[in-house]
Amino acid sequence: MPRDRFKEIIKYLRFDVRSERSTRIITDKFALISQVRNSFIDNCISCYKPGENVTIDEQLFATKVRCPFIQYMAN
């Protein structure tokens, strides 16, 4: 997809109702995308059935952006 087309789509793509945004954002930091996020999580749970041998790994990326939650990165 060309960059300009992507920017045009993103410009008008919204996942929330603007009139309800201010009340929801007080209690939910992800209020702008929470409905899409919750639907995605529900679909992942319903489609994926892990077996008995599952490995979970995590990776944190270094960034200079302020983060609203605590994160620990051991060097």
N, C-alpha and C. Protein backbone atom coordinates (compact mmCIF):
# COMPACT_ATOMS: atom_id res chain seq x y z
N MET A 1 0.85 -1.17 0.00
CA MET A 1 0.00 0.00 0.00
C MET A 1 0.90 1.23 0.00
N PRO A 2 0.63 2.16 -0.87
CA PRO A 2 1.42 3.39 -0.91
C PRO A 2 1.27 4.21 0.38
N ARG A 3 2.31 4.93 0.73
CA ARG A 3 2.33 5.72 1.96
C ARG A 3 1.21 6.75 2.00
N ASP A 4 0.97 7.44 0.91
CA ASP A 4 -0.07 8.48 0.90
C ASP A 4 -1.46 7.88 1.09
N ARG A 5 -1.70 6.72 0.50
CA ARG A 5 -2.99 6.04 0.68
C ARG A 5 -3.16 5.63 2.13
N PHE A 6 -2.11 5.10 2.74
CA PHE A 6 -2.15 4.70 4.15
C PHE A 6 -2.46 5.90 5.03
N LYS A 7 -1.79 7.02 4.80
CA LYS A 7 -2.04 8.23 5.59
C LYS A 7 -3.47 8.72 5.44
N GLU A 8 -4.02 8.61 4.26
CA GLU A 8 -5.40 9.03 4.02
C GLU A 8 -6.40 8.15 4.77
N ILE A 9 -6.15 6.86 4.78
CA ILE A 9 -7.02 5.94 5.51
C ILE A 9 -6.94 6.19 7.01
N ILE A 10 -5.73 6.32 7.53
CA ILE A 10 -5.53 6.56 8.96
C ILE A 10 -6.15 7.88 9.40
N LYS A 11 -6.16 8.84 8.54
CA LYS A 11 -6.70 10.16 8.86
C LYS A 11 -8.17 10.10 9.24
N TYR A 12 -8.93 9.22 8.61
CA TYR A 12 -10.37 9.15 8.84
C TYR A 12 -10.82 7.91 9.62
N LEU A 13 -9.91 7.04 9.95
CA LEU A 13 -10.25 5.81 10.65
C LEU A 13 -10.37 6.07 12.14
N ARG A 14 -11.53 5.79 12.71
CA ARG A 14 -11.77 5.98 14.15
C ARG A 14 -12.44 4.73 14.71
N PHE A 15 -12.12 4.40 15.95
CA PHE A 15 -12.68 3.23 16.60
C PHE A 15 -13.56 3.57 17.79
N ASP A 16 -13.84 4.84 18.03
CA ASP A 16 -14.64 5.20 19.20
C ASP A 16 -15.66 6.27 18.83
N VAL A 17 -16.58 6.50 19.76
CA VAL A 17 -17.59 7.54 19.60
C VAL A 17 -17.06 8.79 20.30
N ARG A 18 -16.88 9.85 19.56
CA ARG A 18 -16.24 11.05 20.08
C ARG A 18 -17.01 11.68 21.25
N SER A 19 -18.32 11.63 21.22
CA SER A 19 -19.12 12.25 22.28
C SER A 19 -18.97 11.54 23.63
N GLU A 20 -18.63 10.26 23.60
CA GLU A 20 -18.47 9.49 24.84
C GLU A 20 -17.01 9.40 25.30
N ARG A 21 -16.10 9.92 24.51
CA ARG A 21 -14.67 9.76 24.77
C ARG A 21 -14.23 10.33 26.11
N SER A 22 -14.67 11.54 26.43
CA SER A 22 -14.18 12.20 27.65
C SER A 22 -14.57 11.45 28.92
N THR A 23 -15.74 10.82 28.95
CA THR A 23 -16.14 10.07 30.15
C THR A 23 -15.42 8.73 30.25
N ARG A 24 -15.16 8.10 29.11
CA ARG A 24 -14.49 6.80 29.14
C ARG A 24 -13.00 6.91 29.39
N ILE A 25 -12.38 7.99 28.93
CA ILE A 25 -10.92 8.12 29.05
C ILE A 25 -10.49 8.36 30.50
N ILE A 26 -11.41 8.77 31.36
CA ILE A 26 -11.10 8.97 32.78
C ILE A 26 -10.75 7.64 33.44
N THR A 27 -11.49 6.59 33.12
CA THR A 27 -11.26 5.30 33.76
C THR A 27 -10.47 4.32 32.91
N ASP A 28 -10.43 4.54 31.60
CA ASP A 28 -9.77 3.60 30.69
C ASP A 28 -8.76 4.34 29.83
N LYS A 29 -7.46 4.07 30.04
CA LYS A 29 -6.42 4.76 29.28
C LYS A 29 -6.43 4.36 27.81
N PHE A 30 -6.99 3.21 27.51
CA PHE A 30 -7.07 2.74 26.13
C PHE A 30 -8.48 2.92 25.57
N ALA A 31 -9.19 3.93 26.04
CA ALA A 31 -10.58 4.14 25.65
C ALA A 31 -10.76 4.31 24.15
N LEU A 32 -9.78 4.87 23.48
CA LEU A 32 -9.91 5.11 22.04
C LEU A 32 -9.95 3.83 21.23
N ILE A 33 -9.31 2.78 21.73
CA ILE A 33 -9.27 1.53 20.98
C ILE A 33 -9.75 0.34 21.81
N SER A 34 -10.34 0.56 22.97
CA SER A 34 -10.67 -0.55 23.87
C SER A 34 -11.67 -1.52 23.26
N GLN A 35 -12.64 -1.04 22.51
CA GLN A 35 -13.62 -1.94 21.90
C GLN A 35 -12.96 -2.86 20.88
N VAL A 36 -12.09 -2.32 20.06
CA VAL A 36 -11.37 -3.13 19.07
C VAL A 36 -10.42 -4.09 19.77
N ARG A 37 -9.73 -3.60 20.79
CA ARG A 37 -8.80 -4.43 21.55
C ARG A 37 -9.53 -5.60 22.22
N ASN A 38 -10.66 -5.32 22.84
CA ASN A 38 -11.42 -6.38 23.51
C ASN A 38 -11.94 -7.41 22.51
N SER A 39 -12.40 -6.97 21.36
CA SER A 39 -12.85 -7.90 20.32
C SER A 39 -11.70 -8.77 19.84
N PHE A 40 -10.53 -8.16 19.66
CA PHE A 40 -9.35 -8.91 19.23
C PHE A 40 -8.98 -9.97 20.26
N ILE A 41 -8.97 -9.60 21.53
CA ILE A 41 -8.62 -10.54 22.60
C ILE A 41 -9.63 -11.68 22.66
N ASP A 42 -10.94 -11.36 22.56
CA ASP A 42 -11.96 -12.40 22.58
C ASP A 42 -11.79 -13.37 21.42
N ASN A 43 -11.48 -12.84 20.23
CA ASN A 43 -11.26 -13.71 19.06
C ASN A 43 -10.03 -14.58 19.24
N CYS A 44 -8.96 -14.02 19.82
CA CYS A 44 -7.75 -14.81 20.07
C CYS A 44 -8.03 -15.94 21.04
N ILE A 45 -8.78 -15.65 22.09
CA ILE A 45 -9.10 -16.67 23.09
C ILE A 45 -9.96 -17.77 22.50
N SER A 46 -10.93 -17.39 21.68
CA SER A 46 -11.83 -18.40 21.11
C SER A 46 -11.16 -19.25 20.02
N CYS A 47 -10.14 -18.71 19.36
CA CYS A 47 -9.51 -19.44 18.25
C CYS A 47 -8.28 -20.24 18.64
N TYR A 48 -7.60 -19.84 19.69
CA TYR A 48 -6.34 -20.48 20.05
C TYR A 48 -6.52 -21.35 21.28
N LYS A 49 -6.21 -22.62 21.14
CA LYS A 49 -6.28 -23.57 22.25
C LYS A 49 -4.87 -24.10 22.48
N PRO A 50 -4.15 -23.56 23.50
CA PRO A 50 -2.78 -24.01 23.75
C PRO A 50 -2.73 -25.45 24.26
N GLY A 51 -1.68 -26.15 23.90
CA GLY A 51 -1.47 -27.51 24.37
C GLY A 51 -0.74 -27.50 25.70
N GLU A 52 -0.22 -28.65 26.08
CA GLU A 52 0.44 -28.74 27.38
C GLU A 52 1.88 -28.23 27.35
N ASN A 53 2.50 -28.14 26.18
CA ASN A 53 3.87 -27.66 26.06
C ASN A 53 3.88 -26.27 25.44
N VAL A 54 3.78 -25.24 26.28
CA VAL A 54 3.73 -23.86 25.81
C VAL A 54 4.88 -23.09 26.46
N THR A 55 5.60 -22.31 25.66
CA THR A 55 6.66 -21.45 26.16
C THR A 55 6.26 -20.01 25.96
N ILE A 56 6.39 -19.21 27.01
CA ILE A 56 6.04 -17.80 26.94
C ILE A 56 7.31 -16.99 27.15
N ASP A 57 7.54 -16.01 26.29
CA ASP A 57 8.72 -15.17 26.38
C ASP A 57 8.28 -13.72 26.29
N GLU A 58 9.07 -12.83 26.82
CA GLU A 58 8.76 -11.41 26.73
C GLU A 58 10.01 -10.65 26.34
N GLN A 59 9.81 -9.49 25.72
CA GLN A 59 10.93 -8.67 25.33
C GLN A 59 10.53 -7.21 25.47
N LEU A 60 11.35 -6.42 26.14
CA LEU A 60 11.11 -4.99 26.27
C LEU A 60 12.09 -4.25 25.37
N PHE A 61 11.60 -3.25 24.68
CA PHE A 61 12.44 -2.47 23.78
C PHE A 61 12.80 -1.15 24.43
N ALA A 62 14.03 -0.75 24.31
CA ALA A 62 14.48 0.52 24.87
C ALA A 62 13.83 1.67 24.11
N THR A 63 13.34 2.66 24.86
CA THR A 63 12.69 3.82 24.25
C THR A 63 12.86 5.03 25.16
N LYS A 64 12.76 6.20 24.60
CA LYS A 64 12.86 7.43 25.39
C LYS A 64 11.48 8.05 25.64
N VAL A 65 10.43 7.35 25.23
CA VAL A 65 9.06 7.82 25.41
C VAL A 65 8.63 7.58 26.85
N ARG A 66 7.91 8.54 27.42
CA ARG A 66 7.40 8.35 28.78
C ARG A 66 6.30 7.31 28.77
N CYS A 67 6.35 6.44 29.74
CA CYS A 67 5.40 5.33 29.81
C CYS A 67 4.57 5.46 31.09
N PRO A 68 3.23 5.33 31.02
CA PRO A 68 2.39 5.53 32.19
C PRO A 68 2.43 4.37 33.20
N PHE A 69 3.11 3.28 32.87
CA PHE A 69 3.20 2.17 33.80
C PHE A 69 4.67 1.85 34.08
N ILE A 70 4.91 1.13 35.14
CA ILE A 70 6.27 0.82 35.56
C ILE A 70 6.81 -0.33 34.72
N GLN A 71 8.03 -0.16 34.25
CA GLN A 71 8.68 -1.25 33.52
C GLN A 71 10.12 -1.37 33.99
N TYR A 72 10.62 -2.58 34.04
CA TYR A 72 11.97 -2.85 34.51
C TYR A 72 12.76 -3.44 33.36
N MET A 73 13.89 -2.85 33.08
CA MET A 73 14.76 -3.35 32.03
C MET A 73 16.17 -3.53 32.59
N ALA A 74 16.51 -4.75 32.90
CA ALA A 74 17.86 -5.03 33.39
C ALA A 74 18.81 -5.01 32.21
N ASN A 75 19.93 -4.34 32.38
CA ASN A 75 20.91 -4.27 31.29
C ASN A 75 21.54 -5.58 31.15
